[in-house]
Amino acid sequence: MVKKGLKFALLTLLAYLLQATTARHIAIASVAPNLAMAMVAVVTVAMGRKYTFFMALIIGYLLEVMLPVLDYISLILYPACAMLGALAFSDKSERKLEEERSLGKRGGNLPAHARTVLCALLSMFVFEFVNLFYISLSGIAIDGDQLQRATISILYTTALAGILQFPLRWWLGTYRLKKAR
């Protein structure tokens, strides 16, 4: 339990540090990926909703304190986007799966690697949509360039989540089988 908590704390700190320092240096078409959201998507599927919420909340808080962009936007947006992705793509409980089976539905989870990519896609779509909405509320007209930059950000972050999930899931121990008691 302590080992899992320590790994989670290190991963949260690493996600914040990579977002704050490295993201702008690996930009494509002058659009930096959201490395923190990509890592949160991996944690969503690998560890569950509780860890997702705390990771997104801590990252949002640290980004808000250290790199303020708009008033409280990181503090609110990171946990909200992460939890929407977690609601849709984290593991279903055994109770929920049994309910679906009793109603005649197929009842199962998508493969974890597909759910990670879809979670990142949904989280980033909401993240960019809210940012564009905030820009439009500020009186700036949304043009094709802003939509293109938002699309690049969504696709780039989703692709990074698809790549990062393999080493992160291995490091978190998701691939190891649990010993029988």
Protein backbone atom coordinates (compact mmCIF):
# COMPACT_ATOMS: atom_id res chain seq x y z
CA MET A 1 0.00 0.00 0.00
CA VAL A 2 2.82 2.40 0.88
CA LYS A 3 4.67 1.45 -2.30
CA LYS A 4 1.58 2.19 -4.40
CA GLY A 5 1.08 5.54 -2.67
CA LEU A 6 4.71 6.48 -3.17
CA LYS A 7 4.55 5.61 -6.86
CA PHE A 8 1.35 7.65 -7.17
CA ALA A 9 2.94 10.66 -5.46
CA LEU A 10 6.02 10.45 -7.69
CA LEU A 11 3.88 10.13 -10.81
CA THR A 12 1.81 13.16 -9.80
CA LEU A 13 4.91 15.24 -9.21
CA LEU A 14 6.44 14.02 -12.48
CA ALA A 15 3.27 14.92 -14.41
CA TYR A 16 3.31 18.44 -12.97
CA LEU A 17 7.02 18.93 -13.63
CA LEU A 18 6.79 17.64 -17.20
CA GLN A 19 3.83 19.90 -17.90
CA ALA A 20 5.55 22.93 -16.40
CA THR A 21 8.97 22.43 -17.96
CA THR A 22 9.09 19.99 -20.87
CA ALA A 23 5.77 20.41 -22.67
CA ARG A 24 6.67 23.66 -24.40
CA HIS A 25 9.94 22.16 -25.70
CA ILE A 26 8.22 19.30 -27.53
CA ALA A 27 5.63 21.46 -29.26
CA ILE A 28 4.39 20.61 -32.74
CA ALA A 29 3.34 23.58 -34.89
CA SER A 30 3.90 25.75 -31.79
CA VAL A 31 1.25 23.74 -29.88
CA ALA A 32 2.46 22.11 -26.67
CA PRO A 33 0.83 18.87 -25.57
CA ASN A 34 -0.87 18.56 -22.22
CA LEU A 35 1.41 15.93 -20.71
CA ALA A 36 -0.33 16.14 -17.34
CA MET A 37 -3.72 15.29 -18.84
CA ALA A 38 -2.18 12.41 -20.80
CA MET A 39 -0.73 10.97 -17.60
CA VAL A 40 -4.01 11.49 -15.75
CA ALA A 41 -5.77 9.47 -18.48
CA VAL A 42 -3.32 6.61 -17.91
CA VAL A 43 -3.94 6.74 -14.15
CA THR A 44 -7.71 6.78 -14.74
CA VAL A 45 -7.69 3.37 -16.36
CA ALA A 46 -4.77 1.89 -14.43
CA MET A 47 -5.69 2.97 -10.89
CA GLY A 48 -9.29 4.19 -10.82
CA ARG A 49 -11.41 7.24 -10.08
CA LYS A 50 -10.12 8.04 -6.61
CA TYR A 51 -6.52 8.32 -7.76
CA THR A 52 -7.62 10.24 -10.86
CA PHE A 53 -9.39 12.87 -8.81
CA PHE A 54 -6.52 13.42 -6.40
CA MET A 55 -3.90 13.49 -9.16
CA ALA A 56 -5.86 15.98 -11.27
CA LEU A 57 -6.65 18.13 -8.23
CA ILE A 58 -3.01 18.27 -7.12
CA ILE A 59 -1.74 19.01 -10.64
CA GLY A 60 -4.40 21.67 -11.16
CA TYR A 61 -3.54 23.27 -7.83
CA LEU A 62 0.21 23.26 -8.51
CA LEU A 63 -0.26 24.69 -12.00
CA GLU A 64 -2.58 27.36 -10.64
CA VAL A 65 -0.13 28.38 -7.94
CA MET A 66 3.08 28.16 -9.94
CA LEU A 67 1.97 29.02 -13.49
CA PRO A 68 -1.24 31.04 -13.29
CA VAL A 69 -2.86 31.61 -16.68
CA LEU A 70 -6.45 32.56 -15.94
CA ASP A 71 -8.03 32.93 -12.53
CA TYR A 72 -8.66 29.44 -11.10
CA ILE A 73 -9.02 27.81 -14.53
CA SER A 74 -6.41 25.08 -13.90
CA LEU A 75 -7.73 24.39 -10.42
CA ILE A 76 -11.24 23.81 -11.76
CA LEU A 77 -10.61 22.45 -15.24
CA TYR A 78 -8.11 19.66 -14.51
CA PRO A 79 -10.27 17.78 -11.98
CA ALA A 80 -13.47 18.38 -13.97
CA CYS A 81 -12.05 17.07 -17.25
CA ALA A 82 -10.31 14.16 -15.56
CA MET A 83 -13.46 13.09 -13.73
CA LEU A 84 -15.56 13.23 -16.89
CA GLY A 85 -13.05 10.91 -18.51
CA ALA A 86 -13.03 8.71 -15.41
CA LEU A 87 -16.82 8.45 -15.34
CA ALA A 88 -16.85 7.21 -18.89
CA PHE A 89 -13.73 5.05 -19.07
CA SER A 90 -12.61 3.78 -15.66
CA ASP A 91 -13.28 0.15 -14.78
CA LYS A 92 -16.88 -0.73 -14.10
CA SER A 93 -17.56 -2.28 -10.73
CA GLU A 94 -18.63 -5.90 -10.46
CA ARG A 95 -22.05 -4.70 -9.34
CA LYS A 96 -22.47 -2.52 -12.45
CA LEU A 97 -21.33 -5.36 -14.72
CA GLU A 98 -23.82 -7.72 -13.07
CA GLU A 99 -26.62 -5.15 -13.51
CA GLU A 100 -25.83 -4.89 -17.21
CA ARG A 101 -25.79 -8.68 -17.59
CA SER A 102 -29.15 -9.01 -15.82
CA LEU A 103 -30.67 -6.48 -18.23
CA GLY A 104 -29.45 -8.55 -21.16
CA LYS A 105 -26.64 -6.21 -22.14
CA ARG A 106 -23.21 -7.49 -23.03
CA GLY A 107 -21.74 -6.21 -19.78
CA GLY A 108 -18.00 -5.70 -19.95
CA ASN A 109 -15.19 -3.20 -20.17
CA LEU A 110 -13.43 -2.13 -23.33
CA PRO A 111 -9.77 -3.15 -23.48
CA ALA A 112 -7.69 -1.00 -21.12
CA HIS A 113 -5.39 0.36 -23.82
CA ALA A 114 -8.35 1.57 -25.89
CA ARG A 115 -10.02 3.11 -22.83
CA THR A 116 -6.85 5.06 -22.01
CA VAL A 117 -6.75 6.65 -25.45
CA LEU A 118 -10.49 7.38 -25.40
CA CYS A 119 -10.23 8.86 -21.90
CA ALA A 120 -7.45 11.20 -23.02
CA LEU A 121 -9.47 12.15 -26.11
CA LEU A 122 -12.59 13.00 -24.11
CA SER A 123 -10.70 14.85 -21.37
CA MET A 124 -8.75 16.94 -23.85
CA PHE A 125 -11.83 17.67 -25.94
CA VAL A 126 -13.61 19.07 -22.89
CA PHE A 127 -10.45 20.92 -21.81
CA GLU A 128 -10.02 22.62 -25.19
CA PHE A 129 -13.76 23.29 -25.59
CA VAL A 130 -13.88 25.12 -22.25
CA ASN A 131 -10.75 27.10 -23.14
CA LEU A 132 -12.26 28.13 -26.49
CA PHE A 133 -15.53 28.98 -24.77
CA TYR A 134 -13.66 31.15 -22.26
CA ILE A 135 -11.84 32.90 -25.10
CA SER A 136 -15.12 33.61 -26.87
CA LEU A 137 -16.63 34.98 -23.64
CA SER A 138 -13.68 37.35 -23.42
CA GLY A 139 -14.84 38.96 -26.66
CA ILE A 140 -12.33 37.33 -29.01
CA ALA A 141 -13.81 35.78 -32.14
CA ILE A 142 -12.93 32.12 -32.61
CA ASP A 143 -11.29 31.60 -35.98
CA GLY A 144 -9.90 28.64 -37.90
CA ASP A 145 -6.41 29.06 -36.47
CA GLN A 146 -7.64 28.66 -32.89
CA LEU A 147 -9.72 25.63 -33.85
CA GLN A 148 -6.72 24.14 -35.63
CA ARG A 149 -4.50 24.68 -32.58
CA ALA A 150 -7.12 23.09 -30.32
CA THR A 151 -7.40 20.10 -32.66
CA ILE A 152 -3.62 19.66 -32.74
CA SER A 153 -3.52 19.82 -28.95
CA ILE A 154 -6.26 17.20 -28.62
CA LEU A 155 -4.68 14.81 -31.10
CA TYR A 156 -1.12 15.31 -29.84
CA THR A 157 -2.06 14.75 -26.21
CA THR A 158 -4.16 11.72 -27.11
CA ALA A 159 -1.27 10.21 -29.07
CA LEU A 160 1.10 10.82 -26.15
CA ALA A 161 -1.34 9.11 -23.77
CA GLY A 162 -1.40 6.15 -26.14
CA ILE A 163 2.39 5.96 -26.07
CA LEU A 164 2.94 6.77 -22.38
CA GLN A 165 0.43 4.21 -21.16
CA PHE A 166 2.76 1.26 -21.77
CA PRO A 167 5.73 2.34 -19.61
CA LEU A 168 3.50 3.96 -16.98
CA ARG A 169 1.22 0.93 -16.61
CA TRP A 170 4.30 -1.31 -16.36
CA TRP A 171 5.85 0.97 -13.72
CA LEU A 172 2.62 1.07 -11.73
CA GLY A 173 2.50 -2.73 -11.79
CA THR A 174 -0.76 -3.02 -13.72
CA TYR A 175 0.53 -5.88 -15.86
CA ARG A 176 1.52 -8.10 -12.93
CA LEU A 177 -0.90 -10.78 -11.86
CA LYS A 178 -2.03 -10.67 -8.27
CA LYS A 179 -1.02 -13.68 -6.18
CA ALA A 180 -3.79 -16.02 -5.07
CA ARG A 181 -4.41 -16.12 -1.35
